Amino acid sequence: MMACSRTWRNTIGFEKAALKVRAYHGVEGAFSIRACYGCIDPDCARACPTGALTPRKGGGVQLDESLCIHCGLCIEACAPSALQWDFSTRIPLPCRHCGVCVSFCPNHVLEMMEVDQR
């Protein structure tokens, strides 16, 4: 998460990363990772009233920040709750599928793979 925010937002922090990791404390200490699924026909892009989010070739979305009206409809539309929100700038943080999170994951629990979405 730190690698994502450092690479794409020029900051170090969890709140600017395009994926979220939640820790569940207890005897076993489990984790839940929320990252973009790279949908071919993304609900978040269809929900955007201004076209700020557009489908990217190969899956996922790209953001034109100048068109974003900060409504949050994209976040509500994302069925897996994988599109993250920057609360300070009030814009979505779409994953670019660059793999920097995979490269720098200290526990090697992240990977990227091609998935047939037919």
PDB file of N, CA and C in Angstrom:
ATOM      1  N   MET A   1       0.820  -1.188   0.000  1.00  0.00           N
ATOM      2  CA  MET A   1       0.000   0.000   0.000  1.00  0.00           C
ATOM      3  C   MET A   1       0.864   1.252   0.000  1.00  0.00           C
ATOM      4  N   MET A   2       1.933   1.224   0.769  1.00  0.00           N
ATOM      5  CA  MET A   2       2.827   2.382   0.805  1.00  0.00           C
ATOM      6  C   MET A   2       3.469   2.592  -0.563  1.00  0.00           C
ATOM      7  N   ALA A   3       3.825   1.500  -1.237  1.00  0.00           N
ATOM      8  CA  ALA A   3       4.454   1.619  -2.555  1.00  0.00           C
ATOM      9  C   ALA A   3       3.498   2.258  -3.551  1.00  0.00           C
ATOM     10  N   CYS A   4       2.230   1.914  -3.481  1.00  0.00           N
ATOM     11  CA  CYS A   4       1.222   2.489  -4.374  1.00  0.00           C
ATOM     12  C   CYS A   4       1.090   3.994  -4.155  1.00  0.00           C
ATOM     13  N   SER A   5       0.905   4.397  -2.921  1.00  0.00           N
ATOM     14  CA  SER A   5       0.727   5.828  -2.638  1.00  0.00           C
ATOM     15  C   SER A   5       2.000   6.614  -2.947  1.00  0.00           C
ATOM     16  N   ARG A   6       3.152   6.017  -2.719  1.00  0.00           N
ATOM     17  CA  ARG A   6       4.421   6.700  -3.007  1.00  0.00           C
ATOM     18  C   ARG A   6       4.628   6.849  -4.509  1.00  0.00           C
ATOM     19  N   THR A   7       4.324   5.800  -5.261  1.00  0.00           N
ATOM     20  CA  THR A   7       4.530   5.808  -6.706  1.00  0.00           C
ATOM     21  C   THR A   7       3.568   6.738  -7.428  1.00  0.00           C
ATOM     22  N   TRP A   8       2.282   6.677  -7.066  1.00  0.00           N
ATOM     23  CA  TRP A   8       1.262   7.386  -7.845  1.00  0.00           C
ATOM     24  C   TRP A   8       0.755   8.676  -7.211  1.00  0.00           C
ATOM     25  N   ARG A   9       0.907   8.851  -5.916  1.00  0.00           N
ATOM     26  CA  ARG A   9       0.389  10.052  -5.246  1.00  0.00           C
ATOM     27  C   ARG A   9       1.480  10.883  -4.580  1.00  0.00           C
ATOM     28  N   ASN A  10       2.731  10.449  -4.727  1.00  0.00           N
ATOM     29  CA  ASN A  10       3.881  11.168  -4.173  1.00  0.00           C
ATOM     30  C   ASN A  10       3.733  11.449  -2.676  1.00  0.00           C
ATOM     31  N   THR A  11       3.198  10.472  -1.978  1.00  0.00           N
ATOM     32  CA  THR A  11       3.044  10.578  -0.530  1.00  0.00           C
ATOM     33  C   THR A  11       3.210   9.189   0.069  1.00  0.00           C
ATOM     34  N   ILE A  12       3.461   9.135   1.339  1.00  0.00           N
ATOM     35  CA  ILE A  12       3.554   7.846   2.013  1.00  0.00           C
ATOM     36  C   ILE A  12       2.423   7.766   3.017  1.00  0.00           C
ATOM     37  N   GLY A  13       1.506   6.852   2.785  1.00  0.00           N
ATOM     38  CA  GLY A  13       0.373   6.691   3.683  1.00  0.00           C
ATOM     39  C   GLY A  13      -0.617   5.699   3.129  1.00  0.00           C
ATOM     40  N   PHE A  14      -1.394   5.132   4.005  1.00  0.00           N
ATOM     41  CA  PHE A  14      -2.379   4.134   3.605  1.00  0.00           C
ATOM     42  C   PHE A  14      -3.589   4.753   2.916  1.00  0.00           C
ATOM     43  N   GLU A  15      -3.929   5.982   3.273  1.00  0.00           N
ATOM     44  CA  GLU A  15      -5.163   6.586   2.781  1.00  0.00           C
ATOM     45  C   GLU A  15      -5.115   7.003   1.315  1.00  0.00           C
ATOM     46  N   LYS A  16      -3.952   6.961   0.670  1.00  0.00           N
ATOM     47  CA  LYS A  16      -3.841   7.349  -0.740  1.00  0.00           C
ATOM     48  C   LYS A  16      -3.522   6.158  -1.643  1.00  0.00           C
ATOM     49  N   ALA A  17      -3.655   4.956  -1.132  1.00  0.00           N
ATOM     50  CA  ALA A  17      -3.365   3.756  -1.915  1.00  0.00           C
ATOM     51  C   ALA A  17      -4.622   3.264  -2.622  1.00  0.00           C
ATOM     52  N   ALA A  18      -4.428   2.608  -3.766  1.00  0.00           N
ATOM     53  CA  ALA A  18      -5.553   2.097  -4.544  1.00  0.00           C
ATOM     54  C   ALA A  18      -6.037   0.734  -4.054  1.00  0.00           C
ATOM     55  N   LEU A  19      -5.429   0.197  -3.011  1.00  0.00           N
ATOM     56  CA  LEU A  19      -5.921  -1.027  -2.398  1.00  0.00           C
ATOM     57  C   LEU A  19      -5.913  -0.848  -0.888  1.00  0.00           C
ATOM     58  N   LYS A  20      -6.734  -1.609  -0.235  1.00  0.00           N
ATOM     59  CA  LYS A  20      -6.837  -1.520   1.225  1.00  0.00           C
ATOM     60  C   LYS A  20      -6.605  -2.892   1.830  1.00  0.00           C
ATOM     61  N   VAL A  21      -5.914  -2.897   2.947  1.00  0.00           N
ATOM     62  CA  VAL A  21      -5.710  -4.120   3.720  1.00  0.00           C
ATOM     63  C   VAL A  21      -6.294  -3.888   5.099  1.00  0.00           C
ATOM     64  N   ARG A  22      -7.159  -4.780   5.513  1.00  0.00           N
ATOM     65  CA  ARG A  22      -7.768  -4.685   6.843  1.00  0.00           C
ATOM     66  C   ARG A  22      -7.290  -5.873   7.666  1.00  0.00           C
ATOM     67  N   ALA A  23      -6.846  -5.587   8.862  1.00  0.00           N
ATOM     68  CA  ALA A  23      -6.398  -6.639   9.777  1.00  0.00           C
ATOM     69  C   ALA A  23      -7.521  -6.980  10.744  1.00  0.00           C
ATOM     70  N   TYR A  24      -7.734  -8.264  10.941  1.00  0.00           N
ATOM     71  CA  TYR A  24      -8.708  -8.751  11.912  1.00  0.00           C
ATOM     72  C   TYR A  24      -7.921  -9.381  13.053  1.00  0.00           C
ATOM     73  N   HIS A  25      -7.929  -8.735  14.174  1.00  0.00           N
ATOM     74  CA  HIS A  25      -7.155  -9.211  15.315  1.00  0.00           C
ATOM     75  C   HIS A  25      -7.859 -10.386  15.982  1.00  0.00           C
ATOM     76  N   GLY A  26      -7.121 -11.138  16.693  1.00  0.00           N
ATOM     77  CA  GLY A  26      -7.668 -12.298  17.376  1.00  0.00           C
ATOM     78  C   GLY A  26      -6.627 -13.396  17.419  1.00  0.00           C
ATOM     79  N   VAL A  27      -7.083 -14.588  17.669  1.00  0.00           N
ATOM     80  CA  VAL A  27      -6.178 -15.718  17.824  1.00  0.00           C
ATOM     81  C   VAL A  27      -5.386 -15.985  16.543  1.00  0.00           C
ATOM     82  N   GLU A  28      -6.067 -15.956  15.386  1.00  0.00           N
ATOM     83  CA  GLU A  28      -5.386 -16.280  14.142  1.00  0.00           C
ATOM     84  C   GLU A  28      -4.877 -15.055  13.396  1.00  0.00           C
ATOM     85  N   GLY A  29      -5.412 -13.884  13.639  1.00  0.00           N
ATOM     86  CA  GLY A  29      -4.951 -12.667  12.982  1.00  0.00           C
ATOM     87  C   GLY A  29      -5.044 -12.715  11.469  1.00  0.00           C
ATOM     88  N   ALA A  30      -6.231 -12.604  10.927  1.00  0.00           N
ATOM     89  CA  ALA A  30      -6.448 -12.681   9.485  1.00  0.00           C
ATOM     90  C   ALA A  30      -6.404 -11.299   8.838  1.00  0.00           C
ATOM     91  N   PHE A  31      -6.258 -11.295   7.508  1.00  0.00           N
ATOM     92  CA  PHE A  31      -6.241 -10.061   6.740  1.00  0.00           C
ATOM     93  C   PHE A  31      -7.224 -10.160   5.585  1.00  0.00           C
ATOM     94  N   SER A  32      -7.758  -9.024   5.184  1.00  0.00           N
ATOM     95  CA  SER A  32      -8.627  -8.933   4.019  1.00  0.00           C
ATOM     96  C   SER A  32      -8.059  -7.855   3.107  1.00  0.00           C
ATOM     97  N   ILE A  33      -7.881  -8.184   1.832  1.00  0.00           N
ATOM     98  CA  ILE A  33      -7.325  -7.238   0.870  1.00  0.00           C
ATOM     99  C   ILE A  33      -8.395  -6.864  -0.138  1.00  0.00           C
ATOM    100  N   ARG A  34      -8.584  -5.570  -0.332  1.00  0.00           N
ATOM    101  CA  ARG A  34      -9.520  -5.059  -1.329  1.00  0.00           C
ATOM    102  C   ARG A  34      -8.721  -4.385  -2.430  1.00  0.00           C
ATOM    103  N   ALA A  35      -8.737  -4.987  -3.604  1.00  0.00           N
ATOM    104  CA  ALA A  35      -8.052  -4.412  -4.765  1.00  0.00           C
ATOM    105  C   ALA A  35      -8.980  -4.506  -5.968  1.00  0.00           C
ATOM    106  N   CYS A  36      -8.771  -3.648  -6.930  1.00  0.00           N
ATOM    107  CA  CYS A  36      -9.603  -3.608  -8.131  1.00  0.00           C
ATOM    108  C   CYS A  36      -9.568  -4.948  -8.857  1.00  0.00           C
ATOM    109  N   TYR A  37     -10.731  -5.403  -9.291  1.00  0.00           N
ATOM    110  CA  TYR A  37     -10.834  -6.664 -10.013  1.00  0.00           C
ATOM    111  C   TYR A  37     -10.485  -6.510 -11.492  1.00  0.00           C
ATOM    112  N   GLY A  38     -10.415  -5.274 -11.989  1.00  0.00           N
ATOM    113  CA  GLY A  38     -10.123  -5.045 -13.405  1.00  0.00           C
ATOM    114  C   GLY A  38     -11.278  -5.435 -14.302  1.00  0.00           C
ATOM    115  N   CYS A  39     -12.480  -5.060 -13.915  1.00  0.00           N
ATOM    116  CA  CYS A  39     -13.684  -5.411 -14.679  1.00  0.00           C
ATOM    117  C   CYS A  39     -13.592  -4.926 -16.130  1.00  0.00           C
ATOM    118  N   ILE A  40     -14.087  -5.728 -17.047  1.00  0.00           N
ATOM    119  CA  ILE A  40     -14.127  -5.349 -18.459  1.00  0.00           C
ATOM    120  C   ILE A  40     -15.217  -4.305 -18.693  1.00  0.00           C
ATOM    121  N   ASP A  41     -16.358  -4.464 -18.045  1.00  0.00           N
ATOM    122  CA  ASP A  41     -17.470  -3.505 -18.135  1.00  0.00           C
ATOM    123  C   ASP A  41     -17.714  -2.965 -16.723  1.00  0.00           C
ATOM    124  N   PRO A  42     -16.876  -2.039 -16.254  1.00  0.00           N
ATOM    125  CA  PRO A  42     -16.912  -1.623 -14.850  1.00  0.00           C
ATOM    126  C   PRO A  42     -18.149  -0.816 -14.454  1.00  0.00           C
ATOM    127  N   ASP A  43     -18.790  -1.266 -13.377  1.00  0.00           N
ATOM    128  CA  ASP A  43     -19.952  -0.556 -12.835  1.00  0.00           C
ATOM    129  C   ASP A  43     -19.592   0.869 -12.430  1.00  0.00           C
ATOM    130  N   CYS A  44     -18.389   1.056 -11.906  1.00  0.00           N
ATOM    131  CA  CYS A  44     -17.981   2.388 -11.449  1.00  0.00           C
ATOM    132  C   CYS A  44     -17.954   3.384 -12.606  1.00  0.00           C
ATOM    133  N   ALA A  45     -17.482   2.962 -13.765  1.00  0.00           N
ATOM    134  CA  ALA A  45     -17.439   3.853 -14.929  1.00  0.00           C
ATOM    135  C   ALA A  45     -18.846   4.153 -15.431  1.00  0.00           C
ATOM    136  N   ARG A  46     -19.713   3.144 -15.436  1.00  0.00           N
ATOM    137  CA  ARG A  46     -21.097   3.370 -15.879  1.00  0.00           C
ATOM    138  C   ARG A  46     -21.845   4.298 -14.940  1.00  0.00           C
ATOM    139  N   ALA A  47     -21.488   4.299 -13.663  1.00  0.00           N
ATOM    140  CA  ALA A  47     -22.175   5.146 -12.680  1.00  0.00           C
ATOM    141  C   ALA A  47     -21.702   6.595 -12.719  1.00  0.00           C
ATOM    142  N   CYS A  48     -20.553   6.849 -13.312  1.00  0.00           N
ATOM    143  CA  CYS A  48     -19.983   8.203 -13.324  1.00  0.00           C
ATOM    144  C   CYS A  48     -20.780   9.102 -14.268  1.00  0.00           C
ATOM    145  N   PRO A  49     -21.419  10.160 -13.743  1.00  0.00           N
ATOM    146  CA  PRO A  49     -22.276  11.005 -14.579  1.00  0.00           C
ATOM    147  C   PRO A  49     -21.516  11.929 -15.530  1.00  0.00           C
ATOM    148  N   THR A  50     -20.216  12.100 -15.330  1.00  0.00           N
ATOM    149  CA  THR A  50     -19.455  13.038 -16.157  1.00  0.00           C
ATOM    150  C   THR A  50     -18.456  12.371 -17.092  1.00  0.00           C
ATOM    151  N   GLY A  51     -18.292  11.063 -16.970  1.00  0.00           N
ATOM    152  CA  GLY A  51     -17.300  10.375 -17.781  1.00  0.00           C
ATOM    153  C   GLY A  51     -15.881  10.533 -17.259  1.00  0.00           C
ATOM    154  N   ALA A  52     -15.746  10.902 -15.991  1.00  0.00           N
ATOM    155  CA  ALA A  52     -14.410  11.037 -15.396  1.00  0.00           C
ATOM    156  C   ALA A  52     -13.716   9.684 -15.297  1.00  0.00           C
ATOM    157  N   LEU A  53     -14.486   8.634 -15.070  1.00  0.00           N
ATOM    158  CA  LEU A  53     -13.956   7.270 -15.069  1.00  0.00           C
ATOM    159  C   LEU A  53     -14.353   6.617 -16.383  1.00  0.00           C
ATOM    160  N   THR A  54     -13.377   6.099 -17.096  1.00  0.00           N
ATOM    161  CA  THR A  54     -13.648   5.415 -18.359  1.00  0.00           C
ATOM    162  C   THR A  54     -12.961   4.057 -18.343  1.00  0.00           C
ATOM    163  N   PRO A  55     -13.583   3.071 -18.999  1.00  0.00           N
ATOM    164  CA  PRO A  55     -12.966   1.747 -19.048  1.00  0.00           C
ATOM    165  C   PRO A  55     -11.595   1.808 -19.724  1.00  0.00           C
ATOM    166  N   ARG A  56     -10.672   1.039 -19.171  1.00  0.00           N
ATOM    167  CA  ARG A  56      -9.327   0.952 -19.728  1.00  0.00           C
ATOM    168  C   ARG A  56      -9.214  -0.356 -20.505  1.00  0.00           C
ATOM    169  N   LYS A  57      -8.517  -0.318 -21.625  1.00  0.00           N
ATOM    170  CA  LYS A  57      -8.316  -1.526 -22.418  1.00  0.00           C
ATOM    171  C   LYS A  57      -7.665  -2.598 -21.547  1.00  0.00           C
ATOM    172  N   GLY A  58      -8.236  -3.769 -21.535  1.00  0.00           N
ATOM    173  CA  GLY A  58      -7.711  -4.858 -20.725  1.00  0.00           C
ATOM    174  C   GLY A  58      -8.376  -4.977 -19.366  1.00  0.00           C
ATOM    175  N   GLY A  59      -9.214  -4.001 -19.000  1.00  0.00           N
ATOM    176  CA  GLY A  59      -9.938  -4.057 -17.730  1.00  0.00           C
ATOM    177  C   GLY A  59      -9.573  -2.933 -16.791  1.00  0.00           C
ATOM    178  N   GLY A  60     -10.490  -2.632 -15.901  1.00  0.00           N
ATOM    179  CA  GLY A  60     -10.286  -1.544 -14.955  1.00  0.00           C
ATOM    180  C   GLY A  60     -10.693  -0.208 -15.546  1.00  0.00           C
ATOM    181  N   VAL A  61     -10.339   0.855 -14.869  1.00  0.00           N
ATOM    182  CA  VAL A  61     -10.723   2.198 -15.305  1.00  0.00           C
ATOM    183  C   VAL A  61      -9.547   3.160 -15.208  1.00  0.00           C
ATOM    184  N   GLN A  62      -9.685   4.252 -15.923  1.00  0.00           N
ATOM    185  CA  GLN A  62      -8.745   5.363 -15.778  1.00  0.00           C
ATOM    186  C   GLN A  62      -9.553   6.588 -15.393  1.00  0.00           C
ATOM    187  N   LEU A  63      -8.913   7.510 -14.692  1.00  0.00           N
ATOM    188  CA  LEU A  63      -9.585   8.685 -14.154  1.00  0.00           C
ATOM    189  C   LEU A  63      -9.075   9.960 -14.808  1.00  0.00           C
ATOM    190  N   ASP A  64     -10.014  10.805 -15.240  1.00  0.00           N
ATOM    191  CA  ASP A  64      -9.698  12.168 -15.664  1.00  0.00           C
ATOM    192  C   ASP A  64     -10.163  13.063 -14.521  1.00  0.00           C
ATOM    193  N   GLU A  65      -9.225  13.460 -13.658  1.00  0.00           N
ATOM    194  CA  GLU A  65      -9.574  14.228 -12.457  1.00  0.00           C
ATOM    195  C   GLU A  65     -10.287  15.532 -12.776  1.00  0.00           C
ATOM    196  N   SER A  66     -10.026  16.116 -13.936  1.00  0.00           N
ATOM    197  CA  SER A  66     -10.656  17.390 -14.287  1.00  0.00           C
ATOM    198  C   SER A  66     -12.161  17.249 -14.520  1.00  0.00           C
ATOM    199  N   LEU A  67     -12.630  16.033 -14.779  1.00  0.00           N
ATOM    200  CA  LEU A  67     -14.062  15.802 -14.997  1.00  0.00           C
ATOM    201  C   LEU A  67     -14.793  15.340 -13.741  1.00  0.00           C
ATOM    202  N   CYS A  68     -14.058  14.974 -12.708  1.00  0.00           N
ATOM    203  CA  CYS A  68     -14.667  14.442 -11.485  1.00  0.00           C
ATOM    204  C   CYS A  68     -15.390  15.547 -10.714  1.00  0.00           C
ATOM    205  N   ILE A  69     -16.651  15.266 -10.349  1.00  0.00           N
ATOM    206  CA  ILE A  69     -17.441  16.234  -9.564  1.00  0.00           C
ATOM    207  C   ILE A  69     -17.557  15.801  -8.103  1.00  0.00           C
ATOM    208  N   HIS A  70     -16.789  14.809  -7.708  1.00  0.00           N
ATOM    209  CA  HIS A  70     -16.675  14.395  -6.303  1.00  0.00           C
ATOM    210  C   HIS A  70     -17.989  13.874  -5.716  1.00  0.00           C
ATOM    211  N   CYS A  71     -18.802  13.243  -6.549  1.00  0.00           N
ATOM    212  CA  CYS A  71     -20.116  12.786  -6.089  1.00  0.00           C
ATOM    213  C   CYS A  71     -20.060  11.449  -5.350  1.00  0.00           C
ATOM    214  N   GLY A  72     -19.065  10.611  -5.638  1.00  0.00           N
ATOM    215  CA  GLY A  72     -18.930   9.324  -4.977  1.00  0.00           C
ATOM    216  C   GLY A  72     -19.812   8.218  -5.526  1.00  0.00           C
ATOM    217  N   LEU A  73     -20.532   8.477  -6.615  1.00  0.00           N
ATOM    218  CA  LEU A  73     -21.402   7.443  -7.188  1.00  0.00           C
ATOM    219  C   LEU A  73     -20.600   6.234  -7.668  1.00  0.00           C
ATOM    220  N   CYS A  74     -19.377   6.465  -8.096  1.00  0.00           N
ATOM    221  CA  CYS A  74     -18.519   5.370  -8.546  1.00  0.00           C
ATOM    222  C   CYS A  74     -18.216   4.407  -7.398  1.00  0.00           C
ATOM    223  N   ILE A  75     -17.968   4.946  -6.232  1.00  0.00           N
ATOM    224  CA  ILE A  75     -17.659   4.127  -5.060  1.00  0.00           C
ATOM    225  C   ILE A  75     -18.867   3.279  -4.682  1.00  0.00           C
ATOM    226  N   GLU A  76     -20.042   3.891  -4.700  1.00  0.00           N
ATOM    227  CA  GLU A  76     -21.274   3.165  -4.378  1.00  0.00           C
ATOM    228  C   GLU A  76     -21.556   2.065  -5.387  1.00  0.00           C
ATOM    229  N   ALA A  77     -21.193   2.281  -6.653  1.00  0.00           N
ATOM    230  CA  ALA A  77     -21.508   1.326  -7.714  1.00  0.00           C
ATOM    231  C   ALA A  77     -20.574   0.126  -7.749  1.00  0.00           C
ATOM    232  N   CYS A  78     -19.406   0.241  -7.168  1.00  0.00           N
ATOM    233  CA  CYS A  78     -18.424  -0.844  -7.212  1.00  0.00           C
ATOM    234  C   CYS A  78     -18.899  -2.003  -6.329  1.00  0.00           C
ATOM    235  N   ALA A  79     -19.370  -3.076  -6.972  1.00  0.00           N
ATOM    236  CA  ALA A  79     -19.950  -4.209  -6.239  1.00  0.00           C
ATOM    237  C   ALA A  79     -18.981  -4.859  -5.248  1.00  0.00           C
ATOM    238  N   PRO A  80     -17.715  -5.066  -5.611  1.00  0.00           N
ATOM    239  CA  PRO A  80     -16.809  -5.683  -4.633  1.00  0.00           C
ATOM    240  C   PRO A  80     -16.197  -4.691  -3.638  1.00  0.00           C
ATOM    241  N   SER A  81     -16.641  -3.441  -3.680  1.00  0.00           N
ATOM    242  CA  SER A  81     -16.090  -2.391  -2.796  1.00  0.00           C
ATOM    243  C   SER A  81     -14.576  -2.286  -2.931  1.00  0.00           C
ATOM    244  N   ALA A  82     -14.098  -2.383  -4.162  1.00  0.00           N
ATOM    245  CA  ALA A  82     -12.663  -2.380  -4.413  1.00  0.00           C
ATOM    246  C   ALA A  82     -12.127  -1.022  -4.863  1.00  0.00           C
ATOM    247  N   LEU A  83     -12.998  -0.118  -5.307  1.00  0.00           N
ATOM    248  CA  LEU A  83     -12.548   1.216  -5.702  1.00  0.00           C
ATOM    249  C   LEU A  83     -12.390   2.055  -4.444  1.00  0.00           C
ATOM    250  N   GLN A  84     -11.196   2.563  -4.239  1.00  0.00           N
ATOM    251  CA  GLN A  84     -10.900   3.328  -3.023  1.00  0.00           C
ATOM    252  C   GLN A  84     -11.196   4.811  -3.232  1.00  0.00           C
ATOM    253  N   TRP A  85     -11.366   5.538  -2.152  1.00  0.00           N
ATOM    254  CA  TRP A  85     -11.745   6.947  -2.167  1.00  0.00           C
ATOM    255  C   TRP A  85     -10.723   7.758  -1.383  1.00  0.00           C
ATOM    256  N   ASP A  86     -10.275   8.860  -1.965  1.00  0.00           N
ATOM    257  CA  ASP A  86      -9.372   9.785  -1.278  1.00  0.00           C
ATOM    258  C   ASP A  86     -10.247  10.809  -0.562  1.00  0.00           C
ATOM    259  N   PHE A  87     -10.328  10.709   0.741  1.00  0.00           N
ATOM    260  CA  PHE A  87     -11.225  11.578   1.510  1.00  0.00           C
ATOM    261  C   PHE A  87     -10.765  13.031   1.552  1.00  0.00           C
ATOM    262  N   SER A  88      -9.485  13.294   1.359  1.00  0.00           N
ATOM    263  CA  SER A  88      -9.014  14.681   1.397  1.00  0.00           C
ATOM    264  C   SER A  88      -9.294  15.420   0.088  1.00  0.00           C
ATOM    265  N   THR A  89      -9.116  14.746  -1.047  1.00  0.00           N
ATOM    266  CA  THR A  89      -9.380  15.395  -2.336  1.00  0.00           C
ATOM    267  C   THR A  89     -10.748  15.041  -2.898  1.00  0.00           C
ATOM    268  N   ARG A  90     -11.404  14.050  -2.288  1.00  0.00           N
ATOM    269  CA  ARG A  90     -12.721  13.585  -2.700  1.00  0.00           C
ATOM    270  C   ARG A  90     -12.739  13.106  -4.152  1.00  0.00           C
ATOM    271  N   ILE A  91     -11.761  12.267  -4.484  1.00  0.00           N
ATOM    272  CA  ILE A  91     -11.722  11.629  -5.797  1.00  0.00           C
ATOM    273  C   ILE A  91     -11.470  10.133  -5.617  1.00  0.00           C
ATOM    274  N   PRO A  92     -11.920   9.328  -6.596  1.00  0.00           N
ATOM    275  CA  PRO A  92     -11.632   7.895  -6.522  1.00  0.00           C
ATOM    276  C   PRO A  92     -10.155   7.635  -6.804  1.00  0.00           C
ATOM    277  N   LEU A  93      -9.671   6.524  -6.288  1.00  0.00           N
ATOM    278  CA  LEU A  93      -8.279   6.114  -6.492  1.00  0.00           C
ATOM    279  C   LEU A  93      -8.262   4.787  -7.254  1.00  0.00           C
ATOM    280  N   PRO A  94      -8.468   4.829  -8.559  1.00  0.00           N
ATOM    281  CA  PRO A  94      -8.497   3.565  -9.301  1.00  0.00           C
ATOM    282  C   PRO A  94      -7.120   2.919  -9.385  1.00  0.00           C
ATOM    283  N   CYS A  95      -7.109   1.615  -9.306  1.00  0.00           N
ATOM    284  CA  CYS A  95      -5.871   0.851  -9.446  1.00  0.00           C
ATOM    285  C   CYS A  95      -5.407   0.931 -10.901  1.00  0.00           C
ATOM    286  N   ARG A  96      -4.125   1.117 -11.101  1.00  0.00           N
ATOM    287  CA  ARG A  96      -3.550   1.195 -12.446  1.00  0.00           C
ATOM    288  C   ARG A  96      -3.025  -0.165 -12.912  1.00  0.00           C
ATOM    289  N   HIS A  97      -3.134  -1.168 -12.056  1.00  0.00           N
ATOM    290  CA  HIS A  97      -2.656  -2.515 -12.362  1.00  0.00           C
ATOM    291  C   HIS A  97      -1.196  -2.504 -12.802  1.00  0.00           C
ATOM    292  N   CYS A  98      -0.406  -1.694 -12.117  1.00  0.00           N
ATOM    293  CA  CYS A  98       1.015  -1.551 -12.455  1.00  0.00           C
ATOM    294  C   CYS A  98       1.873  -2.626 -11.801  1.00  0.00           C
ATOM    295  N   GLY A  99       1.391  -3.213 -10.710  1.00  0.00           N
ATOM    296  CA  GLY A  99       2.124  -4.271 -10.027  1.00  0.00           C
ATOM    297  C   GLY A  99       3.102  -3.816  -8.966  1.00  0.00           C
ATOM    298  N   VAL A 100       3.161  -2.516  -8.693  1.00  0.00           N
ATOM    299  CA  VAL A 100       4.114  -2.036  -7.687  1.00  0.00           C
ATOM    300  C   VAL A 100       3.786  -2.609  -6.305  1.00  0.00           C
ATOM    301  N   CYS A 101       2.520  -2.818  -6.013  1.00  0.00           N
ATOM    302  CA  CYS A 101       2.132  -3.404  -4.723  1.00  0.00           C
ATOM    303  C   CYS A 101       2.661  -4.831  -4.599  1.00  0.00           C
ATOM    304  N   VAL A 102       2.617  -5.570  -5.701  1.00  0.00           N
ATOM    305  CA  VAL A 102       3.120  -6.944  -5.709  1.00  0.00           C
ATOM    306  C   VAL A 102       4.631  -6.956  -5.480  1.00  0.00           C
ATOM    307  N   SER A 103       5.326  -6.068  -6.162  1.00  0.00           N
ATOM    308  CA  SER A 103       6.789  -6.021  -6.062  1.00  0.00           C
ATOM    309  C   SER A 103       7.287  -5.698  -4.661  1.00  0.00           C
ATOM    310  N   PHE A 104       6.548  -4.864  -3.940  1.00  0.00           N
ATOM    311  CA  PHE A 104       7.028  -4.399  -2.639  1.00  0.00           C
ATOM    312  C   PHE A 104       6.308  -5.012  -1.438  1.00  0.00           C
ATOM    313  N   CYS A 105       5.403  -5.955  -1.667  1.00  0.00           N
ATOM    314  CA  CYS A 105       4.697  -6.585  -0.549  1.00  0.00           C
ATOM    315  C   CYS A 105       5.701  -7.367   0.304  1.00  0.00           C
ATOM    316  N   PRO A 106       5.872  -6.984   1.571  1.00  0.00           N
ATOM    317  CA  PRO A 106       6.886  -7.636   2.402  1.00  0.00           C
ATOM    318  C   PRO A 106       6.566  -9.092   2.730  1.00  0.00           C
ATOM    319  N   ASN A 107       5.297  -9.475   2.625  1.00  0.00           N
ATOM    320  CA  ASN A 107       4.911 -10.846   2.962  1.00  0.00           C
ATOM    321  C   ASN A 107       4.634 -11.703   1.734  1.00  0.00           C
ATOM    322  N   HIS A 108       4.776 -11.119   0.547  1.00  0.00           N
ATOM    323  CA  HIS A 108       4.599 -11.839  -0.715  1.00  0.00           C
ATOM    324  C   HIS A 108       3.234 -12.521  -0.818  1.00  0.00           C
ATOM    325  N   VAL A 109       2.192 -11.809  -0.408  1.00  0.00           N
ATOM    326  CA  VAL A 109       0.846 -12.377  -0.463  1.00  0.00           C
ATOM    327  C   VAL A 109       0.033 -11.827  -1.630  1.00  0.00           C
ATOM    328  N   LEU A 110       0.572 -10.856  -2.359  1.00  0.00           N
ATOM    329  CA  LEU A 110      -0.129 -10.283  -3.500  1.00  0.00           C
ATOM    330  C   LEU A 110       0.451 -10.828  -4.796  1.00  0.00           C
ATOM    331  N   GLU A 111      -0.413 -11.042  -5.773  1.00  0.00           N
ATOM    332  CA  GLU A 111       0.047 -11.418  -7.098  1.00  0.00           C
ATOM    333  C   GLU A 111      -0.940 -10.887  -8.124  1.00  0.00           C
ATOM    334  N   MET A 112      -0.469 -10.727  -9.337  1.00  0.00           N
ATOM    335  CA  MET A 112      -1.335 -10.311 -10.434  1.00  0.00           C
ATOM    336  C   MET A 112      -1.389 -11.458 -11.422  1.00  0.00           C
ATOM    337  N   MET A 113      -2.595 -11.711 -11.951  1.00  0.00           N
ATOM    338  CA  MET A 113      -2.744 -12.780 -12.924  1.00  0.00           C
ATOM    339  C   MET A 113      -3.841 -12.419 -13.911  1.00  0.00           C
ATOM    340  N   GLU A 114      -3.735 -12.964 -15.107  1.00  0.00           N
ATOM    341  CA  GLU A 114      -4.765 -12.784 -16.121  1.00  0.00           C
ATOM    342  C   GLU A 114      -5.940 -13.698 -15.778  1.00  0.00           C
ATOM    343  N   VAL A 115      -7.151 -13.141 -15.886  1.00  0.00           N
ATOM    344  CA  VAL A 115      -8.354 -13.912 -15.611  1.00  0.00           C
ATOM    345  C   VAL A 115      -9.296 -13.757 -16.791  1.00  0.00           C
ATOM    346  N   ASP A 116      -9.793 -14.855 -17.309  1.00  0.00           N
ATOM    347  CA  ASP A 116     -10.753 -14.820 -18.410  1.00  0.00           C
ATOM    348  C   ASP A 116     -12.104 -14.400 -17.853  1.00  0.00           C
ATOM    349  N   GLN A 117     -12.633 -13.258 -18.314  1.00  0.00           N
ATOM    350  CA  GLN A 117     -13.896 -12.727 -17.776  1.00  0.00           C
ATOM    351  C   GLN A 117     -15.084 -13.011 -18.684  1.00  0.00           C
ATOM    352  N   ARG A 118     -14.999 -14.019 -19.509  1.00  0.00           N
ATOM    353  CA  ARG A 118     -16.125 -14.335 -20.397  1.00  0.00           C
ATOM    354  C   ARG A 118     -17.271 -14.923 -19.668  1.00  0.00           C
TER     355      ARG A 118
END
